[in-house]
Structures are given as C-alpha cells and as structure tokens.
C-alpha cells in the first residue's frame, strides 16, 4: 500500500481544488472533485449528510451569503489505505464576507477513478475549542448568548442555535409568540426585536446558575440591565432553561417578566 509521488501530488491538488472551485462559484464542476456516490457529512455544521455532487451543489446554493468567501486548506496528511484508496486529513479555514473566520477538520477518503483521484467520503468537523477540548457546554453557551444579545450581533446569535432549535416563551404577551422553531426563524425574530423596540441591553447580572440531572441543561436566574429610549434605565429579571447539544442551543425556555418588559418599553400594563 504505497503511493507514488505523482499520486501524492494529484491528491494534494484534489484537496486544494475544492476551495478554488467553491469560492469561484463553479459548483457545476463538483464532479471533478467527488465520486458520483460521494457522502458529504456536514452534520456538525447542521447541514446533514449530503449524497452525490448535485446535493452538495444545492446545499451550497441554498446557503447563499452564509458561504465563506474564502476556503483555505492546509496541513494535508495522506495515509494509504489500499492500492487505490487513501485517507486524507486536512485543516480548513473559512473567511466570511464580514471578516470573521472559522476552522474545520476535513477527514476524507479518496479513491483512484479512471479519470483520476476523487473524494468518495468527506466528514467536516468544526473546531470550537482549543487544544482538542470538548464542545462548549451550557454555561459557556449562556455567556456567549448574553454577549450576542448585548452586541446585537445576528452572526453571533445565529452561530449559537442548532438548525432545529426551539425557543419557547411560557409567559408571553399579545403579539408575542409562545414558541419559535428553527434557527433562522428564531434569529430573525430576535433581530426584528432589536430593530423595532427601544431597549438596548448593556450587561447581565447572573443571580444563580443551577445544574440539573441532565448535564446538557442548566437553569439560569438573571437580570438584563440596559437603557430604553422610552423610559431610561431598566432591569429585566428572567429565568431561562437552556439545553445545549454539540455546543449549540437545542432548546431554550425563556421565562420573561412580562410586566417588567412592558414597563421598560413604555407600554401601559
């Protein structure tokens, strides 16, 4: 099970070509990279498992502006697994239009086809913690959630929710939903609130954070402190029950103090 120098060069070029074709929008040339029966596993990024070049192309088109503008691949390691196959591990760095960056690991199986080497299986895993650490837990996600709310960052907020997340408001008011399903719908509703209401969160006070019998779930007692253009300084107490899977919010039950919120907004009780 050895590879010639030409095989190694061809495999390097194959892995590097993915970024060039994708960034140039030449998605119809995916067949140059992948076998017809390729499995492209992007479960860790909430895009599921894609089967075939056409599915990969459609997923990229559906992501639209969420795609990185630059895919950069490095640290390529090739390990032969047979006379016509090899495992290839590499690092991917994605740069967004906004200038932020993310890191992933590509774990590929490549096979020699009549027209050259092709990727027959790819698993993409996001790197979210340093030094091989575990995915962020609910306490860390809670802090990131607070930061995103204070900075009113749609990008940061979107990065915290799982694709199929659920956000519930057991205590609600007329015109406010009691349950929102799906990351995009949740973040869209939150962003709409930032634009429409006069509240600006400046910081959070953590009163208590309780662990539960489920390590993925915590209960947080907190207060959001900020300024309202309608009423001035405000303090909004609330309790949230937060469940995190794979480093992202799977379920959030948000017990808002409705009376305090209406007062801060300058609305009659």
Protein backbone atom coordinates (compact mmCIF):
# COMPACT_ATOMS: atom_id res chain seq x y z
CA UNK A 1 0.00 0.00 0.00
CA UNK A 2 2.27 2.73 -1.27
CA UNK A 3 1.57 5.86 -3.25
CA UNK A 4 3.81 7.28 -5.92
CA UNK A 5 4.97 10.86 -5.75
CA UNK A 6 2.61 11.63 -8.62
CA UNK A 7 -0.31 10.11 -6.64
CA UNK A 8 0.52 12.33 -3.68
CA UNK A 9 0.77 15.41 -5.88
CA UNK A 10 -2.56 14.61 -7.53
CA UNK A 11 -4.26 14.09 -4.16
CA UNK A 12 -2.87 17.39 -2.84
CA UNK A 13 -4.20 19.16 -5.93
CA UNK A 14 -7.60 17.49 -5.48
CA UNK A 15 -7.97 18.70 -1.89
CA UNK A 16 -6.79 22.21 -2.78
CA UNK A 17 -9.04 22.45 -5.84
CA UNK A 18 -12.19 22.28 -3.69
CA UNK A 19 -11.59 25.77 -2.30
CA UNK A 20 -10.82 27.28 -5.70
CA UNK A 21 -13.95 25.89 -7.36
CA UNK A 22 -16.25 26.71 -4.45
CA UNK A 23 -15.03 30.27 -3.95
CA UNK A 24 -15.32 30.93 -7.68
CA UNK A 25 -18.91 29.64 -7.68
CA UNK A 26 -18.04 26.88 -10.14
CA UNK A 27 -20.28 24.43 -8.33
CA UNK A 28 -21.26 22.65 -11.53
CA UNK A 29 -17.71 21.29 -11.62
CA UNK A 30 -18.16 19.33 -8.37
CA UNK A 31 -17.83 16.17 -10.42
CA UNK A 32 -14.14 16.96 -10.79
CA UNK A 33 -13.77 16.55 -7.03
CA UNK A 34 -16.25 13.90 -5.94
CA UNK A 35 -17.38 10.43 -6.97
CA UNK A 36 -20.99 10.11 -8.08
CA UNK A 37 -21.86 8.27 -4.84
CA UNK A 38 -19.92 10.60 -2.52
CA UNK A 39 -21.18 11.09 1.03
CA UNK A 40 -20.51 14.60 2.32
CA UNK A 41 -21.09 14.63 6.09
CA UNK A 42 -21.72 18.12 7.44
CA UNK A 43 -23.87 17.06 10.41
CA UNK A 44 -21.61 19.02 12.76
CA UNK A 45 -22.47 22.21 10.88
CA UNK A 46 -26.21 21.43 10.92
CA UNK A 47 -26.42 20.69 7.19
CA UNK A 48 -26.96 16.94 7.49
CA UNK A 49 -25.39 14.29 5.29
CA UNK A 50 -25.37 15.05 1.57
CA UNK A 51 -25.32 12.33 -1.07
CA UNK A 52 -23.86 12.99 -4.52
CA UNK A 53 -22.33 16.08 -6.18
CA UNK A 54 -25.75 17.52 -7.06
CA UNK A 55 -26.82 17.57 -3.40
CA UNK A 56 -23.56 19.28 -2.42
CA UNK A 57 -24.12 21.92 -5.09
CA UNK A 58 -27.73 22.53 -4.00
CA UNK A 59 -26.72 22.87 -0.33
CA UNK A 60 -24.07 25.46 -1.22
CA UNK A 61 -26.55 27.44 -3.32
CA UNK A 62 -29.14 27.30 -0.53
CA UNK A 63 -26.60 28.66 1.98
CA UNK A 64 -26.13 31.72 -0.23
CA UNK A 65 -24.32 34.56 1.51
CA UNK A 66 -23.66 32.33 4.53
CA UNK A 67 -20.93 30.63 2.49
CA UNK A 68 -17.38 31.73 3.28
CA UNK A 69 -15.84 33.95 0.63
CA UNK A 70 -12.54 32.14 1.10
CA UNK A 71 -11.86 28.43 1.75
CA UNK A 72 -8.22 27.83 2.70
CA UNK A 73 -6.88 24.29 3.16
CA UNK A 74 -3.65 23.39 4.93
CA UNK A 75 -1.92 20.64 6.96
CA UNK A 76 -2.69 17.91 4.44
CA UNK A 77 -1.75 14.42 5.65
CA UNK A 78 -2.17 11.44 3.29
CA UNK A 79 -2.30 7.86 4.57
CA UNK A 80 -2.62 5.00 2.05
CA UNK A 81 -5.40 2.54 2.86
CA UNK A 82 -5.20 0.34 -0.24
CA UNK A 83 -3.82 0.19 -3.74
CA UNK A 84 -6.49 2.56 -4.98
CA UNK A 85 -7.54 4.50 -1.86
CA UNK A 86 -6.19 6.75 0.86
CA UNK A 87 -7.34 8.69 3.90
CA UNK A 88 -6.62 12.42 3.76
CA UNK A 89 -6.84 14.68 6.79
CA UNK A 90 -6.56 18.44 6.44
CA UNK A 91 -7.43 21.71 8.13
CA UNK A 92 -9.88 24.18 6.64
CA UNK A 93 -10.11 27.89 7.40
CA UNK A 94 -13.19 29.76 6.20
CA UNK A 95 -13.27 33.56 5.92
CA UNK A 96 -16.65 35.27 5.80
CA UNK A 97 -17.54 38.47 3.97
CA UNK A 98 -17.67 40.17 7.37
CA UNK A 99 -14.07 39.23 8.12
CA UNK A 100 -14.70 36.55 10.75
CA UNK A 101 -13.03 33.16 10.49
CA UNK A 102 -13.85 29.58 11.42
CA UNK A 103 -11.79 26.41 11.50
CA UNK A 104 -12.78 22.88 10.49
CA UNK A 105 -11.16 19.50 10.05
CA UNK A 106 -11.69 17.63 6.77
CA UNK A 107 -11.50 13.84 7.04
CA UNK A 108 -11.62 12.41 3.52
CA UNK A 109 -11.50 9.06 1.79
CA UNK A 110 -10.14 9.42 -1.74
CA UNK A 111 -10.23 6.71 -4.38
CA UNK A 112 -8.49 6.33 -7.70
CA UNK A 113 -11.02 6.52 -10.54
CA UNK A 114 -10.47 6.04 -14.30
CA UNK A 115 -10.26 9.83 -14.65
CA UNK A 116 -8.11 10.42 -11.56
CA UNK A 117 -8.39 10.68 -7.78
CA UNK A 118 -11.80 11.67 -6.35
CA UNK A 119 -13.23 12.22 -2.88
CA UNK A 120 -15.69 9.42 -2.06
CA UNK A 121 -16.38 10.41 1.55
CA UNK A 122 -15.84 13.65 3.45
CA UNK A 123 -16.63 14.44 7.07
CA UNK A 124 -16.42 18.08 8.15
CA UNK A 125 -15.96 18.78 11.87
CA UNK A 126 -15.88 22.29 13.31
CA UNK A 127 -13.12 23.21 15.72
CA UNK A 128 -14.71 25.19 18.53
CA UNK A 129 -12.33 24.74 21.46
CA UNK A 130 -8.58 24.98 21.87
CA UNK A 131 -6.15 22.09 22.45
CA UNK A 132 -8.60 19.39 21.46
CA UNK A 133 -11.10 20.39 24.15
CA UNK A 134 -14.70 19.27 24.23
CA UNK A 135 -17.60 21.19 22.70
CA UNK A 136 -18.72 24.18 24.70
CA UNK A 137 -21.19 23.34 27.44
CA UNK A 138 -24.37 25.14 28.51
CA UNK A 139 -22.61 27.56 30.87
CA UNK A 140 -20.24 28.72 28.14
CA UNK A 141 -23.11 29.00 25.64
CA UNK A 142 -25.06 31.07 28.18
CA UNK A 143 -22.22 33.61 28.32
CA UNK A 144 -21.98 33.72 24.53
CA UNK A 145 -25.76 34.19 24.31
CA UNK A 146 -25.55 37.16 26.63
CA UNK A 147 -22.67 38.66 24.62
CA UNK A 148 -24.61 38.31 21.37
CA UNK A 149 -27.65 39.99 22.94
CA UNK A 150 -25.58 42.91 24.22
CA UNK A 151 -23.72 43.40 20.92
CA UNK A 152 -26.90 42.72 18.90
CA UNK A 153 -24.89 40.51 16.56
CA UNK A 154 -27.04 38.47 14.18
CA UNK A 155 -24.00 36.44 13.13
CA UNK A 156 -23.04 35.55 16.69
CA UNK A 157 -26.62 34.73 17.62
CA UNK A 158 -27.06 32.52 14.57
CA UNK A 159 -23.90 30.63 15.44
CA UNK A 160 -25.30 29.67 18.84
CA UNK A 161 -28.53 27.94 17.77
CA UNK A 162 -28.82 24.46 16.28
CA UNK A 163 -30.59 24.30 12.93
CA UNK A 164 -33.67 22.66 14.52
CA UNK A 165 -33.59 24.61 17.78
CA UNK A 166 -36.73 25.53 19.70
CA UNK A 167 -37.15 28.78 21.68
CA UNK A 168 -40.19 28.99 23.95
CA UNK A 169 -41.77 31.83 25.95
CA UNK A 170 -44.05 30.23 28.59
CA UNK A 171 -45.01 33.73 29.83
CA UNK A 172 -45.93 35.94 26.91
CA UNK A 173 -48.00 38.93 25.85
CA UNK A 174 -50.39 39.57 22.95
CA UNK A 175 -48.48 39.66 19.67
CA UNK A 176 -45.52 37.74 21.08
CA UNK A 177 -45.11 34.09 20.03
CA UNK A 178 -45.01 31.40 22.69
CA UNK A 179 -42.85 29.07 20.59
CA UNK A 180 -40.47 29.57 17.65
CA UNK A 181 -38.98 26.61 15.80
CA UNK A 182 -35.81 26.59 13.72
CA UNK A 183 -32.61 28.64 13.94
CA UNK A 184 -33.43 31.01 11.09
CA UNK A 185 -36.90 31.83 12.42
CA UNK A 186 -35.57 32.36 15.96
CA UNK A 187 -32.73 34.65 14.91
CA UNK A 188 -34.96 36.57 12.50
CA UNK A 189 -37.46 37.22 15.31
CA UNK A 190 -34.70 38.32 17.72
CA UNK A 191 -33.13 40.64 15.12
CA UNK A 192 -36.53 42.12 14.34
CA UNK A 193 -36.96 42.91 18.02
CA UNK A 194 -33.63 44.69 18.15
CA UNK A 195 -34.72 46.97 15.33
CA UNK A 196 -38.29 47.55 16.48
CA UNK A 197 -38.06 48.13 20.22
CA UNK A 198 -36.23 50.85 22.18
CA UNK A 199 -34.37 48.52 24.55
CA UNK A 200 -30.58 48.24 24.48
CA UNK A 201 -29.02 45.63 26.77
CA UNK A 202 -25.72 46.73 28.30
CA UNK A 203 -24.90 43.83 30.60
CA UNK A 204 -26.30 40.87 32.50
CA UNK A 205 -26.29 40.17 36.21
CA UNK A 206 -26.14 36.48 37.00
CA UNK A 207 -28.12 35.76 40.16
CA UNK A 208 -27.71 31.97 40.10
CA UNK A 209 -27.00 29.18 37.66
CA UNK A 210 -28.29 25.72 38.59
CA UNK A 211 -27.16 22.40 37.17
CA UNK A 212 -29.79 19.74 36.53
CA UNK A 213 -29.80 15.95 36.34
CA UNK A 214 -29.09 16.40 32.61
CA UNK A 215 -25.52 17.75 32.11
CA UNK A 216 -26.67 19.42 28.89
CA UNK A 217 -29.29 21.54 30.70
CA UNK A 218 -28.92 24.42 33.15
CA UNK A 219 -31.36 26.85 34.78
CA UNK A 220 -30.18 30.46 34.98
CA UNK A 221 -31.65 33.24 37.12
CA UNK A 222 -30.50 36.55 35.65
CA UNK A 223 -31.22 40.22 35.08
CA UNK A 224 -30.66 42.15 31.88
CA UNK A 225 -29.58 45.72 32.57
CA UNK A 226 -29.77 48.44 29.96
CA UNK A 227 -31.31 51.64 28.69
CA UNK A 228 -34.63 52.29 26.98
CA UNK A 229 -35.10 55.31 24.75
CA UNK A 230 -38.68 55.34 26.01
CA UNK A 231 -38.19 55.07 29.77
CA UNK A 232 -34.48 55.30 30.61
CA UNK A 233 -32.56 52.72 32.62
CA UNK A 234 -34.20 49.34 33.17
CA UNK A 235 -33.62 45.97 34.79
CA UNK A 236 -35.38 42.92 33.34
CA UNK A 237 -35.40 39.79 35.52
CA UNK A 238 -35.91 36.44 33.85
CA UNK A 239 -35.23 32.73 34.19
CA UNK A 240 -34.10 30.54 31.32
CA UNK A 241 -33.86 26.77 30.99
CA UNK A 242 -31.09 26.14 28.48
CA UNK A 243 -30.28 22.82 26.77
CA UNK A 244 -27.14 22.54 24.62
CA UNK A 245 -26.19 19.70 22.28
CA UNK A 246 -22.92 19.62 20.31
CA UNK A 247 -22.07 23.09 21.51
CA UNK A 248 -25.29 24.70 20.26
CA UNK A 249 -28.66 25.64 21.73
CA UNK A 250 -31.13 22.83 21.13
CA UNK A 251 -33.90 24.18 23.37
CA UNK A 252 -34.36 27.40 25.32
CA UNK A 253 -37.32 28.06 27.59
CA UNK A 254 -37.35 31.79 28.32
CA UNK A 255 -39.45 32.89 31.33
CA UNK A 256 -39.71 36.63 30.71
CA UNK A 257 -41.08 39.01 33.34
CA UNK A 258 -43.77 40.40 31.06
CA UNK A 259 -44.78 43.28 33.34
CA UNK A 260 -41.18 44.49 33.69
CA UNK A 261 -40.70 44.27 29.93
CA UNK A 262 -43.84 46.29 29.18
CA UNK A 263 -42.77 48.93 31.70
CA UNK A 264 -39.32 49.26 30.11
CA UNK A 265 -40.95 49.57 26.69
CA UNK A 266 -43.21 52.35 27.98
CA UNK A 267 -46.34 50.35 27.35
CA UNK A 268 -49.41 50.51 29.55
CA UNK A 269 -49.92 47.46 31.75
